[in-house]
């Protein structure tokens, strides 16, 4: 028996605080049709947050997806990543 898994409908770029003062997640451009299309969104959001936070930003590769990190002067560290629509969590 073969089990089929559907591809996600879309991908989004989201930045979340890892360390430091709490802040709401920040969404980048999108939705994107693939991870390849969303890579530029990760870069743009990481650079933009780095400027906004007056800090530094850099990108690393985690398996098949790039991840951006931003360290701001205020002590806040952000992770910028690509999530599929299936990985998004709704808030109630």
PDB file of N, CA and C in Angstrom:
ATOM      1  N   UNK A   1       0.850  -1.175   0.000  1.00  0.00           N
ATOM      2  CA  UNK A   1       0.000   0.000   0.000  1.00  0.00           C
ATOM      3  C   UNK A   1       0.894   1.236   0.000  1.00  0.00           C
ATOM      4  N   UNK A   2       0.531   2.183  -0.819  1.00  0.00           N
ATOM      5  CA  UNK A   2       1.303   3.413  -0.939  1.00  0.00           C
ATOM      6  C   UNK A   2       0.546   4.548  -0.269  1.00  0.00           C
ATOM      7  N   UNK A   3       1.236   5.313   0.579  1.00  0.00           N
ATOM      8  CA  UNK A   3       0.622   6.459   1.242  1.00  0.00           C
ATOM      9  C   UNK A   3       1.126   7.713   0.559  1.00  0.00           C
ATOM     10  N   UNK A   4       0.210   8.521   0.105  1.00  0.00           N
ATOM     11  CA  UNK A   4       0.574   9.755  -0.574  1.00  0.00           C
ATOM     12  C   UNK A   4       0.533  10.922   0.391  1.00  0.00           C
ATOM     13  N   UNK A   5       1.504  11.783   0.289  1.00  0.00           N
ATOM     14  CA  UNK A   5       1.475  13.024   1.060  1.00  0.00           C
ATOM     15  C   UNK A   5       1.415  14.173   0.080  1.00  0.00           C
ATOM     16  N   UNK A   6       0.549  15.096   0.350  1.00  0.00           N
ATOM     17  CA  UNK A   6       0.381  16.237  -0.533  1.00  0.00           C
ATOM     18  C   UNK A   6       1.444  17.283  -0.266  1.00  0.00           C
ATOM     19  N   UNK A   7       1.878  17.928  -1.330  1.00  0.00           N
ATOM     20  CA  UNK A   7       2.791  19.055  -1.171  1.00  0.00           C
ATOM     21  C   UNK A   7       2.048  20.190  -0.497  1.00  0.00           C
ATOM     22  N   UNK A   8       2.752  20.992   0.280  1.00  0.00           N
ATOM     23  CA  UNK A   8       2.090  22.142   0.897  1.00  0.00           C
ATOM     24  C   UNK A   8       1.571  23.088  -0.173  1.00  0.00           C
ATOM     25  N   UNK A   9       0.520  23.786   0.155  1.00  0.00           N
ATOM     26  CA  UNK A   9      -0.077  24.730  -0.784  1.00  0.00           C
ATOM     27  C   UNK A   9       0.867  25.896  -1.024  1.00  0.00           C
ATOM     28  N   UNK A  10       1.537  26.343   0.017  1.00  0.00           N
ATOM     29  CA  UNK A  10       2.405  27.515  -0.104  1.00  0.00           C
ATOM     30  C   UNK A  10       3.437  27.510   1.014  1.00  0.00           C
ATOM     31  N   UNK A  11       4.424  28.365   0.844  1.00  0.00           N
ATOM     32  CA  UNK A  11       5.446  28.580   1.863  1.00  0.00           C
ATOM     33  C   UNK A  11       5.430  30.045   2.271  1.00  0.00           C
ATOM     34  N   UNK A  12       5.718  30.301   3.543  1.00  0.00           N
ATOM     35  CA  UNK A  12       5.815  31.676   4.034  1.00  0.00           C
ATOM     36  C   UNK A  12       7.149  31.834   4.758  1.00  0.00           C
ATOM     37  N   UNK A  13       7.588  33.082   4.856  1.00  0.00           N
ATOM     38  CA  UNK A  13       8.809  33.412   5.587  1.00  0.00           C
ATOM     39  C   UNK A  13       8.386  34.113   6.868  1.00  0.00           C
ATOM     40  N   UNK A  14       8.872  33.621   7.998  1.00  0.00           N
ATOM     41  CA  UNK A  14       8.484  34.191   9.286  1.00  0.00           C
ATOM     42  C   UNK A  14       9.714  34.327  10.185  1.00  0.00           C
ATOM     43  N   UNK A  15       9.759  35.429  10.931  1.00  0.00           N
ATOM     44  CA  UNK A  15      10.829  35.670  11.908  1.00  0.00           C
ATOM     45  C   UNK A  15      10.219  35.606  13.302  1.00  0.00           C
ATOM     46  N   UNK A  16      10.863  34.862  14.185  1.00  0.00           N
ATOM     47  CA  UNK A  16      10.394  34.727  15.562  1.00  0.00           C
ATOM     48  C   UNK A  16      11.551  34.981  16.524  1.00  0.00           C
ATOM     49  N   UNK A  17      11.229  35.565  17.662  1.00  0.00           N
ATOM     50  CA  UNK A  17      12.245  35.857  18.675  1.00  0.00           C
ATOM     51  C   UNK A  17      12.657  34.563  19.371  1.00  0.00           C
ATOM     52  N   UNK A  18      13.962  34.332  19.437  1.00  0.00           N
ATOM     53  CA  UNK A  18      14.503  33.182  20.166  1.00  0.00           C
ATOM     54  C   UNK A  18      14.928  33.564  21.574  1.00  0.00           C
ATOM     55  N   UNK A  19      15.591  34.718  21.685  1.00  0.00           N
ATOM     56  CA  UNK A  19      16.133  35.189  22.958  1.00  0.00           C
ATOM     57  C   UNK A  19      15.865  36.680  23.068  1.00  0.00           C
ATOM     58  N   UNK A  20      15.495  37.120  24.266  1.00  0.00           N
ATOM     59  CA  UNK A  20      15.322  38.553  24.488  1.00  0.00           C
ATOM     60  C   UNK A  20      13.872  38.947  24.679  1.00  0.00           C
ATOM     61  N   UNK A  21      13.613  40.252  24.668  1.00  0.00           N
ATOM     62  CA  UNK A  21      12.258  40.755  24.876  1.00  0.00           C
ATOM     63  C   UNK A  21      11.278  40.166  23.857  1.00  0.00           C
ATOM     64  N   UNK A  22      10.123  39.776  24.339  1.00  0.00           N
ATOM     65  CA  UNK A  22       9.105  39.145  23.502  1.00  0.00           C
ATOM     66  C   UNK A  22       8.602  40.121  22.443  1.00  0.00           C
ATOM     67  N   UNK A  23       8.358  39.605  21.247  1.00  0.00           N
ATOM     68  CA  UNK A  23       7.784  40.386  20.153  1.00  0.00           C
ATOM     69  C   UNK A  23       6.935  39.457  19.298  1.00  0.00           C
ATOM     70  N   UNK A  24       5.953  40.027  18.632  1.00  0.00           N
ATOM     71  CA  UNK A  24       5.110  39.247  17.727  1.00  0.00           C
ATOM     72  C   UNK A  24       5.949  38.745  16.553  1.00  0.00           C
ATOM     73  N   UNK A  25       5.600  37.581  15.994  1.00  0.00           N
ATOM     74  CA  UNK A  25       6.299  37.117  14.794  1.00  0.00           C
ATOM     75  C   UNK A  25       6.144  38.132  13.656  1.00  0.00           C
ATOM     76  N   UNK A  26       7.142  38.188  12.798  1.00  0.00           N
ATOM     77  CA  UNK A  26       7.125  39.087  11.648  1.00  0.00           C
ATOM     78  C   UNK A  26       7.099  38.223  10.396  1.00  0.00           C
ATOM     79  N   UNK A  27       6.135  38.491   9.514  1.00  0.00           N
ATOM     80  CA  UNK A  27       6.030  37.735   8.271  1.00  0.00           C
ATOM     81  C   UNK A  27       6.678  38.503   7.135  1.00  0.00           C
ATOM     82  N   UNK A  28       7.431  37.781   6.309  1.00  0.00           N
ATOM     83  CA  UNK A  28       8.050  38.365   5.127  1.00  0.00           C
ATOM     84  C   UNK A  28       7.087  38.295   3.960  1.00  0.00           C
ATOM     85  N   UNK A  29       7.587  38.569   2.790  1.00  0.00           N
ATOM     86  CA  UNK A  29       6.748  38.499   1.595  1.00  0.00           C
ATOM     87  C   UNK A  29       6.240  37.091   1.367  1.00  0.00           C
ATOM     88  N   UNK A  30       5.306  36.967   0.497  1.00  0.00           N
ATOM     89  CA  UNK A  30       4.777  35.643   0.187  1.00  0.00           C
ATOM     90  C   UNK A  30       3.276  35.693   0.119  1.00  0.00           C
ATOM     91  N   UNK A  31       2.624  34.607  -0.021  1.00  0.00           N
ATOM     92  CA  UNK A  31       3.140  33.243   0.009  1.00  0.00           C
ATOM     93  C   UNK A  31       3.981  32.922  -1.233  1.00  0.00           C
ATOM     94  N   UNK A  32       4.864  31.943  -1.063  1.00  0.00           N
ATOM     95  CA  UNK A  32       5.760  31.519  -2.128  1.00  0.00           C
ATOM     96  C   UNK A  32       5.357  30.125  -2.594  1.00  0.00           C
ATOM     97  N   UNK A  33       5.627  29.830  -3.856  1.00  0.00           N
ATOM     98  CA  UNK A  33       5.232  28.538  -4.430  1.00  0.00           C
ATOM     99  C   UNK A  33       6.197  27.408  -4.069  1.00  0.00           C
ATOM    100  N   UNK A  34       7.429  27.739  -3.684  1.00  0.00           N
ATOM    101  CA  UNK A  34       8.418  26.709  -3.359  1.00  0.00           C
ATOM    102  C   UNK A  34       9.462  27.271  -2.395  1.00  0.00           C
ATOM    103  N   UNK A  35      10.265  26.371  -1.862  1.00  0.00           N
ATOM    104  CA  UNK A  35      11.363  26.795  -0.988  1.00  0.00           C
ATOM    105  C   UNK A  35      12.345  27.656  -1.769  1.00  0.00           C
ATOM    106  N   UNK A  36      12.623  27.262  -3.001  1.00  0.00           N
ATOM    107  CA  UNK A  36      13.553  28.039  -3.831  1.00  0.00           C
ATOM    108  C   UNK A  36      13.083  29.473  -4.011  1.00  0.00           C
ATOM    109  N   UNK A  37      11.787  29.660  -4.193  1.00  0.00           N
ATOM    110  CA  UNK A  37      11.241  31.017  -4.355  1.00  0.00           C
ATOM    111  C   UNK A  37      11.315  31.806  -3.042  1.00  0.00           C
ATOM    112  N   UNK A  38      11.217  31.114  -1.914  1.00  0.00           N
ATOM    113  CA  UNK A  38      11.186  31.788  -0.610  1.00  0.00           C
ATOM    114  C   UNK A  38      12.571  32.161  -0.087  1.00  0.00           C
ATOM    115  N   UNK A  39      13.626  31.649  -0.691  1.00  0.00           N
ATOM    116  CA  UNK A  39      14.983  31.928  -0.202  1.00  0.00           C
ATOM    117  C   UNK A  39      15.275  33.418  -0.181  1.00  0.00           C
ATOM    118  N   UNK A  40      14.902  34.120  -1.234  1.00  0.00           N
ATOM    119  CA  UNK A  40      15.143  35.568  -1.278  1.00  0.00           C
ATOM    120  C   UNK A  40      14.355  36.277  -0.175  1.00  0.00           C
ATOM    121  N   UNK A  41      13.164  35.761   0.164  1.00  0.00           N
ATOM    122  CA  UNK A  41      12.371  36.332   1.248  1.00  0.00           C
ATOM    123  C   UNK A  41      13.069  36.217   2.592  1.00  0.00           C
ATOM    124  N   UNK A  42      13.761  35.100   2.829  1.00  0.00           N
ATOM    125  CA  UNK A  42      14.527  34.924   4.073  1.00  0.00           C
ATOM    126  C   UNK A  42      15.636  35.964   4.141  1.00  0.00           C
ATOM    127  N   UNK A  43      16.346  36.106   3.037  1.00  0.00           N
ATOM    128  CA  UNK A  43      17.459  37.064   2.989  1.00  0.00           C
ATOM    129  C   UNK A  43      16.960  38.488   3.240  1.00  0.00           C
ATOM    130  N   UNK A  44      15.883  38.878   2.551  1.00  0.00           N
ATOM    131  CA  UNK A  44      15.349  40.240   2.689  1.00  0.00           C
ATOM    132  C   UNK A  44      14.861  40.524   4.105  1.00  0.00           C
ATOM    133  N   UNK A  45      14.134  39.569   4.704  1.00  0.00           N
ATOM    134  CA  UNK A  45      13.607  39.783   6.050  1.00  0.00           C
ATOM    135  C   UNK A  45      14.741  39.829   7.079  1.00  0.00           C
ATOM    136  N   UNK A  46      15.740  38.964   6.938  1.00  0.00           N
ATOM    137  CA  UNK A  46      16.867  38.974   7.879  1.00  0.00           C
ATOM    138  C   UNK A  46      17.638  40.290   7.793  1.00  0.00           C
ATOM    139  N   UNK A  47      17.909  40.757   6.589  1.00  0.00           N
ATOM    140  CA  UNK A  47      18.631  42.024   6.426  1.00  0.00           C
ATOM    141  C   UNK A  47      17.794  43.180   6.965  1.00  0.00           C
ATOM    142  N   UNK A  48      16.493  43.191   6.659  1.00  0.00           N
ATOM    143  CA  UNK A  48      15.607  44.252   7.146  1.00  0.00           C
ATOM    144  C   UNK A  48      15.523  44.301   8.662  1.00  0.00           C
ATOM    145  N   UNK A  49      15.407  43.135   9.294  1.00  0.00           N
ATOM    146  CA  UNK A  49      15.376  43.094  10.764  1.00  0.00           C
ATOM    147  C   UNK A  49      16.718  43.514  11.353  1.00  0.00           C
ATOM    148  N   UNK A  50      17.804  43.142  10.692  1.00  0.00           N
ATOM    149  CA  UNK A  50      19.128  43.548  11.165  1.00  0.00           C
ATOM    150  C   UNK A  50      19.272  45.059  11.186  1.00  0.00           C
ATOM    151  N   UNK A  51      18.749  45.716  10.161  1.00  0.00           N
ATOM    152  CA  UNK A  51      18.784  47.179  10.108  1.00  0.00           C
ATOM    153  C   UNK A  51      17.866  47.765  11.174  1.00  0.00           C
ATOM    154  N   UNK A  52      16.650  47.231  11.273  1.00  0.00           N
ATOM    155  CA  UNK A  52      15.669  47.719  12.249  1.00  0.00           C
ATOM    156  C   UNK A  52      16.169  47.555  13.682  1.00  0.00           C
ATOM    157  N   UNK A  53      16.805  46.439  13.974  1.00  0.00           N
ATOM    158  CA  UNK A  53      17.289  46.145  15.328  1.00  0.00           C
ATOM    159  C   UNK A  53      18.682  46.721  15.578  1.00  0.00           C
ATOM    160  N   UNK A  54      19.241  47.395  14.587  1.00  0.00           N
ATOM    161  CA  UNK A  54      20.600  47.957  14.675  1.00  0.00           C
ATOM    162  C   UNK A  54      21.607  46.894  15.089  1.00  0.00           C
ATOM    163  N   UNK A  55      21.532  45.754  14.411  1.00  0.00           N
ATOM    164  CA  UNK A  55      22.412  44.647  14.753  1.00  0.00           C
ATOM    165  C   UNK A  55      22.996  43.989  13.526  1.00  0.00           C
ATOM    166  N   UNK A  56      23.266  42.706  13.645  1.00  0.00           N
ATOM    167  CA  UNK A  56      23.886  41.932  12.573  1.00  0.00           C
ATOM    168  C   UNK A  56      22.951  40.808  12.145  1.00  0.00           C
ATOM    169  N   UNK A  57      23.026  40.460  10.865  1.00  0.00           N
ATOM    170  CA  UNK A  57      22.230  39.346  10.351  1.00  0.00           C
ATOM    171  C   UNK A  57      23.127  38.427   9.533  1.00  0.00           C
ATOM    172  N   UNK A  58      22.790  37.146   9.533  1.00  0.00           N
ATOM    173  CA  UNK A  58      23.539  36.186   8.724  1.00  0.00           C
ATOM    174  C   UNK A  58      22.633  35.017   8.378  1.00  0.00           C
ATOM    175  N   UNK A  59      23.014  34.264   7.349  1.00  0.00           N
ATOM    176  CA  UNK A  59      22.249  33.113   6.887  1.00  0.00           C
ATOM    177  C   UNK A  59      23.072  31.845   7.043  1.00  0.00           C
ATOM    178  N   UNK A  60      22.389  30.755   7.393  1.00  0.00           N
ATOM    179  CA  UNK A  60      23.007  29.431   7.444  1.00  0.00           C
ATOM    180  C   UNK A  60      22.088  28.463   6.709  1.00  0.00           C
ATOM    181  N   UNK A  61      22.611  27.315   6.349  1.00  0.00           N
ATOM    182  CA  UNK A  61      21.815  26.300   5.667  1.00  0.00           C
ATOM    183  C   UNK A  61      21.473  25.209   6.665  1.00  0.00           C
ATOM    184  N   UNK A  62      20.181  24.889   6.815  1.00  0.00           N
ATOM    185  CA  UNK A  62      19.730  23.816   7.697  1.00  0.00           C
ATOM    186  C   UNK A  62      18.996  22.796   6.845  1.00  0.00           C
ATOM    187  N   UNK A  63      19.643  21.691   6.568  1.00  0.00           N
ATOM    188  CA  UNK A  63      19.114  20.665   5.668  1.00  0.00           C
ATOM    189  C   UNK A  63      18.790  21.289   4.317  1.00  0.00           C
ATOM    190  N   UNK A  64      17.522  21.338   3.944  1.00  0.00           N
ATOM    191  CA  UNK A  64      17.176  21.868   2.621  1.00  0.00           C
ATOM    192  C   UNK A  64      16.665  23.305   2.669  1.00  0.00           C
ATOM    193  N   UNK A  65      16.694  23.936   3.827  1.00  0.00           N
ATOM    194  CA  UNK A  65      16.149  25.291   3.952  1.00  0.00           C
ATOM    195  C   UNK A  65      17.163  26.252   4.566  1.00  0.00           C
ATOM    196  N   UNK A  66      17.277  27.450   4.004  1.00  0.00           N
ATOM    197  CA  UNK A  66      18.130  28.457   4.637  1.00  0.00           C
ATOM    198  C   UNK A  66      17.434  29.027   5.873  1.00  0.00           C
ATOM    199  N   UNK A  67      18.215  29.403   6.862  1.00  0.00           N
ATOM    200  CA  UNK A  67      17.689  30.032   8.075  1.00  0.00           C
ATOM    201  C   UNK A  67      18.489  31.303   8.313  1.00  0.00           C
ATOM    202  N   UNK A  68      17.786  32.395   8.570  1.00  0.00           N
ATOM    203  CA  UNK A  68      18.450  33.650   8.878  1.00  0.00           C
ATOM    204  C   UNK A  68      18.450  33.884  10.378  1.00  0.00           C
ATOM    205  N   UNK A  69      19.492  34.517  10.865  1.00  0.00           N
ATOM    206  CA  UNK A  69      19.570  34.895  12.271  1.00  0.00           C
ATOM    207  C   UNK A  69      19.886  36.373  12.360  1.00  0.00           C
ATOM    208  N   UNK A  70      19.248  37.029  13.309  1.00  0.00           N
ATOM    209  CA  UNK A  70      19.477  38.455  13.538  1.00  0.00           C
ATOM    210  C   UNK A  70      19.763  38.641  15.022  1.00  0.00           C
ATOM    211  N   UNK A  71      20.839  39.344  15.330  1.00  0.00           N
ATOM    212  CA  UNK A  71      21.174  39.683  16.712  1.00  0.00           C
ATOM    213  C   UNK A  71      21.160  41.199  16.804  1.00  0.00           C
ATOM    214  N   UNK A  72      20.216  41.734  17.596  1.00  0.00           N
ATOM    215  CA  UNK A  72      20.061  43.181  17.711  1.00  0.00           C
ATOM    216  C   UNK A  72      20.773  43.757  18.915  1.00  0.00           C
ATOM    217  N   UNK A  73      20.940  45.059  18.891  1.00  0.00           N
ATOM    218  CA  UNK A  73      21.612  45.746  20.003  1.00  0.00           C
ATOM    219  C   UNK A  73      20.819  45.663  21.300  1.00  0.00           C
ATOM    220  N   UNK A  74      19.504  45.509  21.206  1.00  0.00           N
ATOM    221  CA  UNK A  74      18.670  45.448  22.397  1.00  0.00           C
ATOM    222  C   UNK A  74      18.663  44.085  23.068  1.00  0.00           C
ATOM    223  N   UNK A  75      19.477  43.143  22.581  1.00  0.00           N
ATOM    224  CA  UNK A  75      19.548  41.825  23.196  1.00  0.00           C
ATOM    225  C   UNK A  75      18.572  40.821  22.631  1.00  0.00           C
ATOM    226  N   UNK A  76      17.897  41.170  21.557  1.00  0.00           N
ATOM    227  CA  UNK A  76      16.922  40.271  20.955  1.00  0.00           C
ATOM    228  C   UNK A  76      17.591  39.492  19.822  1.00  0.00           C
ATOM    229  N   UNK A  77      17.336  38.172  19.794  1.00  0.00           N
ATOM    230  CA  UNK A  77      17.834  37.330  18.713  1.00  0.00           C
ATOM    231  C   UNK A  77      16.649  36.719  17.986  1.00  0.00           C
ATOM    232  N   UNK A  78      16.643  36.870  16.669  1.00  0.00           N
ATOM    233  CA  UNK A  78      15.554  36.381  15.829  1.00  0.00           C
ATOM    234  C   UNK A  78      16.030  35.205  14.973  1.00  0.00           C
ATOM    235  N   UNK A  79      15.108  34.289  14.684  1.00  0.00           N
ATOM    236  CA  UNK A  79      15.326  33.253  13.673  1.00  0.00           C
ATOM    237  C   UNK A  79      14.346  33.532  12.543  1.00  0.00           C
ATOM    238  N   UNK A  80      14.847  33.550  11.325  1.00  0.00           N
ATOM    239  CA  UNK A  80      14.018  33.783  10.138  1.00  0.00           C
ATOM    240  C   UNK A  80      14.023  32.484   9.345  1.00  0.00           C
ATOM    241  N   UNK A  81      12.838  31.913   9.142  1.00  0.00           N
ATOM    242  CA  UNK A  81      12.787  30.619   8.472  1.00  0.00           C
ATOM    243  C   UNK A  81      11.618  30.510   7.510  1.00  0.00           C
ATOM    244  N   UNK A  82      11.691  29.492   6.680  1.00  0.00           N
ATOM    245  CA  UNK A  82      10.633  29.187   5.723  1.00  0.00           C
ATOM    246  C   UNK A  82       9.759  28.106   6.341  1.00  0.00           C
ATOM    247  N   UNK A  83       8.464  28.352   6.375  1.00  0.00           N
ATOM    248  CA  UNK A  83       7.512  27.362   6.878  1.00  0.00           C
ATOM    249  C   UNK A  83       6.505  27.037   5.791  1.00  0.00           C
ATOM    250  N   UNK A  84       6.120  25.778   5.702  1.00  0.00           N
ATOM    251  CA  UNK A  84       5.050  25.407   4.778  1.00  0.00           C
ATOM    252  C   UNK A  84       3.719  25.746   5.426  1.00  0.00           C
ATOM    253  N   UNK A  85       2.690  25.825   4.617  1.00  0.00           N
ATOM    254  CA  UNK A  85       1.369  26.146   5.164  1.00  0.00           C
ATOM    255  C   UNK A  85       0.936  25.103   6.192  1.00  0.00           C
ATOM    256  N   UNK A  86       1.405  23.874   6.061  1.00  0.00           N
ATOM    257  CA  UNK A  86       1.059  22.820   7.018  1.00  0.00           C
ATOM    258  C   UNK A  86       1.764  23.011   8.359  1.00  0.00           C
ATOM    259  N   UNK A  87       2.854  23.773   8.393  1.00  0.00           N
ATOM    260  CA  UNK A  87       3.616  23.981   9.628  1.00  0.00           C
ATOM    261  C   UNK A  87       3.145  25.190  10.426  1.00  0.00           C
ATOM    262  N   UNK A  88       2.255  25.978   9.871  1.00  0.00           N
ATOM    263  CA  UNK A  88       1.768  27.162  10.575  1.00  0.00           C
ATOM    264  C   UNK A  88       0.802  26.763  11.672  1.00  0.00           C
ATOM    265  N   UNK A  89       0.877  27.451  12.794  1.00  0.00           N
ATOM    266  CA  UNK A  89       0.003  27.181  13.937  1.00  0.00           C
ATOM    267  C   UNK A  89      -0.953  28.352  14.078  1.00  0.00           C
ATOM    268  N   UNK A  90      -2.232  28.050  14.235  1.00  0.00           N
ATOM    269  CA  UNK A  90      -3.201  29.136  14.420  1.00  0.00           C
ATOM    270  C   UNK A  90      -3.306  29.474  15.899  1.00  0.00           C
ATOM    271  N   UNK A  91      -3.568  30.750  16.166  1.00  0.00           N
ATOM    272  CA  UNK A  91      -3.748  31.206  17.548  1.00  0.00           C
ATOM    273  C   UNK A  91      -5.218  31.486  17.784  1.00  0.00           C
ATOM    274  N   UNK A  92      -5.690  31.076  18.937  1.00  0.00           N
ATOM    275  CA  UNK A  92      -7.091  31.364  19.298  1.00  0.00           C
ATOM    276  C   UNK A  92      -7.145  32.296  20.463  1.00  0.00           C
TER     277      UNK A  92
END
